[in-house]
Amino acid sequence: MFVIDQQYTRAAIRQLLGVEGTRGGKWDTGHARHDGEHFIFCNIDIAGRTGHNYNNFFEGEELVWHPREGAKLTHPAFGDLVSGTAPVHVFFRLADHDPFTYAGVGSAVSVQDTIPIEVRWGFPDKNTHPDDLRTLQGVVEGAKKQVTVNAYERDPTAKPRCIKRWGTICTVCDFDFGAVYGELGAGFIHVHHLKPIHTVGAEYLLDPENDLRPVCPNCHSMLHRRKEVLSIDELVSLLRRRFNGSFTQI
Protein backbone atom coordinates (compact mmCIF):
# COMPACT_ATOMS: atom_id res chain seq x y z
CA MET A 1 0.00 0.00 0.00
CA PHE A 2 2.85 2.39 0.80
CA VAL A 3 5.79 2.98 -1.53
CA ILE A 4 9.26 3.21 -0.03
CA ASP A 5 10.83 6.69 -0.37
CA GLN A 6 7.51 8.30 -1.33
CA GLN A 7 6.02 11.11 0.75
CA TYR A 8 2.66 11.07 2.50
CA THR A 9 0.71 13.47 4.66
CA ARG A 10 -1.02 12.06 7.71
CA ALA A 11 -4.35 12.68 5.95
CA ALA A 12 -3.22 10.69 2.90
CA ILE A 13 -2.16 7.80 5.15
CA ARG A 14 -5.56 7.75 6.84
CA GLN A 15 -7.26 7.87 3.44
CA LEU A 16 -5.24 4.94 2.11
CA LEU A 17 -6.08 2.94 5.24
CA GLY A 18 -9.76 3.85 5.02
CA VAL A 19 -9.71 5.58 8.40
CA GLU A 20 -12.70 7.84 8.80
CA GLY A 21 -12.88 11.00 10.85
CA THR A 22 -10.99 14.25 11.13
CA ARG A 23 -7.39 14.83 12.11
CA GLY A 24 -6.32 14.40 15.67
CA GLY A 25 -6.09 11.66 18.22
CA LYS A 26 -3.55 8.86 17.84
CA TRP A 27 -2.73 9.83 14.23
CA ASP A 28 -1.21 13.11 15.39
CA THR A 29 1.20 11.35 17.73
CA GLY A 30 4.48 9.57 17.09
CA HIS A 31 2.97 6.08 17.27
CA ALA A 32 -0.39 4.77 16.14
CA ARG A 33 -1.87 1.28 15.85
CA HIS A 34 -4.43 0.25 13.25
CA ASP A 35 -5.74 -3.20 12.33
CA GLY A 36 -2.92 -4.91 14.20
CA GLU A 37 -0.18 -2.89 12.49
CA HIS A 38 2.04 -0.14 13.92
CA PHE A 39 2.76 3.28 12.42
CA ILE A 40 5.71 5.36 13.60
CA PHE A 41 6.00 9.06 12.72
CA CYS A 42 9.27 10.76 13.62
CA ASN A 43 11.28 13.89 12.95
CA ILE A 44 14.95 13.56 12.03
CA ASP A 45 17.42 15.89 13.76
CA ILE A 46 14.72 18.48 14.49
CA ALA A 47 12.25 19.33 17.23
CA GLY A 48 8.56 18.62 16.81
CA ARG A 49 5.56 20.85 17.43
CA THR A 50 6.09 20.61 21.19
CA GLY A 51 9.65 21.89 20.83
CA HIS A 52 11.13 18.59 22.00
CA ASN A 53 13.89 16.97 19.93
CA TYR A 54 13.88 13.20 20.40
CA ASN A 55 17.31 12.87 18.75
CA ASN A 56 16.24 10.53 15.97
CA PHE A 57 18.78 10.04 13.20
CA PHE A 58 19.89 7.69 10.44
CA GLU A 59 23.15 5.80 10.72
CA GLY A 60 23.68 4.34 7.28
CA GLU A 61 20.28 2.90 6.36
CA GLU A 62 19.31 2.13 9.96
CA LEU A 63 17.13 4.51 11.94
CA VAL A 64 18.06 5.23 15.54
CA TRP A 65 14.72 6.10 17.14
CA HIS A 66 13.67 7.22 20.62
CA PRO A 67 10.00 6.98 21.67
CA ARG A 68 8.26 9.57 23.76
CA GLU A 69 9.26 10.08 27.36
CA GLY A 70 7.73 7.59 29.73
CA ALA A 71 7.78 4.66 27.31
CA LYS A 72 8.87 1.44 29.01
CA LEU A 73 9.87 -1.94 27.68
CA THR A 74 7.43 -3.51 30.13
CA HIS A 75 4.44 -1.78 28.51
CA PRO A 76 2.49 -4.33 26.43
CA ALA A 77 2.07 -1.90 23.51
CA PHE A 78 5.81 -1.25 23.34
CA GLY A 79 6.61 -4.92 23.66
CA ASP A 80 4.33 -5.66 20.71
CA LEU A 81 5.97 -2.84 18.72
CA VAL A 82 9.48 -4.32 18.89
CA SER A 83 8.53 -8.00 18.99
CA GLY A 84 8.51 -8.48 15.22
CA THR A 85 5.08 -10.12 15.30
CA ALA A 86 3.28 -7.17 13.68
CA PRO A 87 4.35 -4.90 10.78
CA VAL A 88 5.86 -1.56 11.83
CA HIS A 89 5.49 1.11 9.15
CA VAL A 90 8.09 3.85 9.67
CA PHE A 91 7.63 7.40 8.37
CA PHE A 92 10.06 10.29 8.87
CA ARG A 93 10.46 13.94 7.91
CA LEU A 94 13.24 16.51 7.95
CA ALA A 95 11.16 19.57 8.83
CA ASP A 96 8.10 20.03 11.00
CA HIS A 97 4.84 20.31 9.00
CA ASP A 98 6.46 18.65 5.95
CA PRO A 99 4.96 15.41 4.54
CA PHE A 100 6.48 12.19 5.84
CA THR A 101 8.75 9.93 3.79
CA TYR A 102 8.00 6.22 4.01
CA ALA A 103 11.13 4.35 5.12
CA GLY A 104 9.50 0.92 4.89
CA VAL A 105 8.53 -1.85 7.29
CA GLY A 106 11.00 -1.70 10.14
CA SER A 107 12.59 -4.56 12.03
CA ALA A 108 14.01 -3.91 15.50
CA VAL A 109 17.73 -4.62 15.14
CA SER A 110 18.45 -3.70 18.75
CA VAL A 111 16.59 -2.29 21.75
CA GLN A 112 18.43 -0.44 24.53
CA ASP A 113 16.66 -0.13 27.88
CA THR A 114 18.00 3.36 28.48
CA ILE A 115 16.35 6.67 29.32
CA PRO A 116 14.92 7.29 26.85
CA ILE A 117 14.64 3.86 25.24
CA GLU A 118 16.64 3.54 22.03
CA VAL A 119 15.49 1.32 19.16
CA ARG A 120 17.55 0.75 16.03
CA TRP A 121 15.29 -0.05 13.08
CA GLY A 122 16.52 -1.88 10.00
CA PHE A 123 14.59 -2.18 6.74
CA PRO A 124 15.30 -5.63 5.28
CA ASP A 125 12.65 -5.35 2.57
CA LYS A 126 13.77 -1.98 1.26
CA ASN A 127 13.18 -1.88 -2.48
CA THR A 128 16.09 -1.78 -4.90
CA HIS A 129 16.14 1.37 -7.01
CA PRO A 130 16.25 0.85 -10.84
CA ASP A 131 19.54 2.77 -10.95
CA ASP A 132 21.16 -0.02 -8.88
CA LEU A 133 20.55 -2.87 -11.28
CA ARG A 134 23.63 -4.08 -13.07
CA THR A 135 22.88 -7.53 -14.46
CA LEU A 136 20.17 -10.17 -14.50
CA GLN A 137 21.45 -13.71 -14.36
CA GLY A 138 19.79 -17.12 -14.65
CA VAL A 139 16.42 -15.84 -15.82
CA VAL A 140 14.24 -18.90 -16.44
CA GLU A 141 10.59 -18.73 -17.45
CA GLY A 142 8.40 -19.93 -14.59
CA ALA A 143 11.33 -20.10 -12.18
CA LYS A 144 12.88 -17.78 -9.65
CA LYS A 145 14.89 -14.83 -10.92
CA GLN A 146 18.38 -14.43 -9.52
CA VAL A 147 19.24 -10.75 -9.50
CA THR A 148 22.82 -9.61 -9.11
CA VAL A 149 23.00 -6.06 -7.80
CA ASN A 150 25.82 -3.69 -7.04
CA ALA A 151 24.77 -2.40 -3.64
CA TYR A 152 25.60 1.24 -2.97
CA GLU A 153 24.78 2.64 0.42
CA ARG A 154 21.95 5.15 0.15
CA ASP A 155 21.18 7.98 2.50
CA PRO A 156 17.44 7.60 3.30
CA THR A 157 17.20 11.39 3.67
CA ALA A 158 18.51 12.04 0.13
CA LYS A 159 15.12 11.94 -1.58
CA PRO A 160 13.32 14.25 0.88
CA ARG A 161 16.25 16.69 0.66
CA CYS A 162 15.95 16.67 -3.14
CA ILE A 163 12.19 17.25 -2.89
CA LYS A 164 12.70 20.06 -0.39
CA ARG A 165 14.92 21.79 -2.99
CA TRP A 166 13.06 20.98 -6.23
CA GLY A 167 9.49 20.15 -5.18
CA THR A 168 7.31 17.23 -6.31
CA ILE A 169 6.55 18.33 -9.90
CA CYS A 170 8.17 16.28 -12.67
CA THR A 171 11.27 18.01 -14.05
CA VAL A 172 10.57 16.57 -17.53
CA CYS A 173 6.83 17.05 -18.09
CA ASP A 174 5.69 19.15 -15.09
CA PHE A 175 3.14 16.55 -14.03
CA ASP A 176 1.87 17.23 -10.50
CA PHE A 177 0.27 14.25 -8.73
CA GLY A 178 -1.17 16.45 -6.00
CA ALA A 179 -2.92 18.72 -8.51
CA VAL A 180 -4.45 15.76 -10.35
CA TYR A 181 -5.21 13.29 -7.55
CA GLY A 182 -5.61 15.66 -4.61
CA GLU A 183 -4.59 14.50 -1.14
CA LEU A 184 -3.98 10.96 -2.42
CA GLY A 185 -1.26 12.18 -4.80
CA ALA A 186 0.27 14.87 -2.61
CA GLY A 187 4.01 14.34 -2.19
CA PHE A 188 4.19 11.45 -4.67
CA ILE A 189 7.14 11.55 -7.09
CA HIS A 190 10.20 9.56 -8.10
CA VAL A 191 13.72 10.97 -7.99
CA HIS A 192 16.32 10.43 -10.70
CA HIS A 193 20.11 10.35 -10.35
CA LEU A 194 21.59 12.71 -12.92
CA LYS A 195 24.66 10.48 -12.87
CA PRO A 196 23.52 6.83 -12.91
CA ILE A 197 24.67 5.38 -9.62
CA HIS A 198 25.61 2.04 -11.16
CA THR A 199 28.29 3.79 -13.24
CA VAL A 200 30.07 4.98 -10.12
CA GLY A 201 32.97 2.64 -9.47
CA ALA A 202 33.65 3.78 -5.93
CA GLU A 203 31.78 5.33 -3.05
CA TYR A 204 31.04 8.98 -3.68
CA LEU A 205 29.46 11.79 -1.73
CA LEU A 206 25.93 12.35 -3.00
CA ASP A 207 24.64 15.92 -3.05
CA PRO A 208 20.83 15.46 -3.07
CA GLU A 209 20.16 19.03 -4.15
CA ASN A 210 22.49 18.91 -7.16
CA ASP A 211 22.68 15.21 -8.09
CA LEU A 212 18.97 14.33 -7.96
CA ARG A 213 15.85 15.60 -9.72
CA PRO A 214 12.14 14.79 -9.21
CA VAL A 215 10.53 12.95 -12.14
CA CYS A 216 7.20 11.18 -12.59
CA PRO A 217 7.24 7.36 -12.94
CA ASN A 218 6.54 7.53 -16.69
CA CYS A 219 9.41 9.89 -17.40
CA HIS A 220 11.65 7.96 -15.02
CA SER A 221 10.99 4.75 -16.95
CA MET A 222 11.73 6.48 -20.25
CA LEU A 223 14.99 7.92 -18.91
CA HIS A 224 16.06 4.32 -18.22
CA ARG A 225 14.47 2.83 -21.35
CA ARG A 226 17.70 2.54 -23.32
CA LYS A 227 20.97 0.87 -22.41
CA GLU A 228 22.53 4.29 -21.93
CA VAL A 229 20.46 6.39 -19.56
CA LEU A 230 19.03 9.51 -21.20
CA SER A 231 19.61 12.91 -19.71
CA ILE A 232 16.61 14.99 -18.73
CA ASP A 233 17.37 17.47 -21.54
CA GLU A 234 17.54 14.61 -24.05
CA LEU A 235 14.12 13.31 -23.00
CA VAL A 236 12.58 16.79 -23.19
CA SER A 237 14.10 17.23 -26.68
CA LEU A 238 12.75 13.84 -27.74
CA LEU A 239 9.25 14.86 -26.67
CA ARG A 240 9.50 18.15 -28.53
CA ARG A 241 10.59 16.35 -31.71
CA ARG A 242 7.82 13.81 -31.25
CA PHE A 243 5.25 16.59 -31.14
CA ASN A 244 6.90 18.69 -33.85
CA GLY A 245 8.03 21.29 -31.37
CA SER A 246 4.56 21.79 -29.91
CA PHE A 247 5.32 19.90 -26.70
CA THR A 248 5.39 22.12 -23.65
CA GLN A 249 5.88 21.03 -20.09
CA ILE A 250 2.33 21.00 -18.72
Foldseek 3Di string as FASTA:
>chain_A
DDAAQFFAALVLVCVVVVNDDDDDDPSPFQWDDDPQAIEGEEEAPAAEPVRDHQHWHDDQLKIKGFHDFPDACPDPVNVSQQVPPHWYWYWYDHDYPGTTGTNATWHFPDWDRDGGIITITDHVPHDDDPLFFDDWPDDDVPDDTDGDTDDATDDSCLSVVQCVQANQAAPQQRDQQCVVVNNNRPRGWDKDFQPRPNVDPDHDDDDSNPGIHTHHPVVRCVQVVDPHGHGSVVVNVVVCVVVVNPRDRD
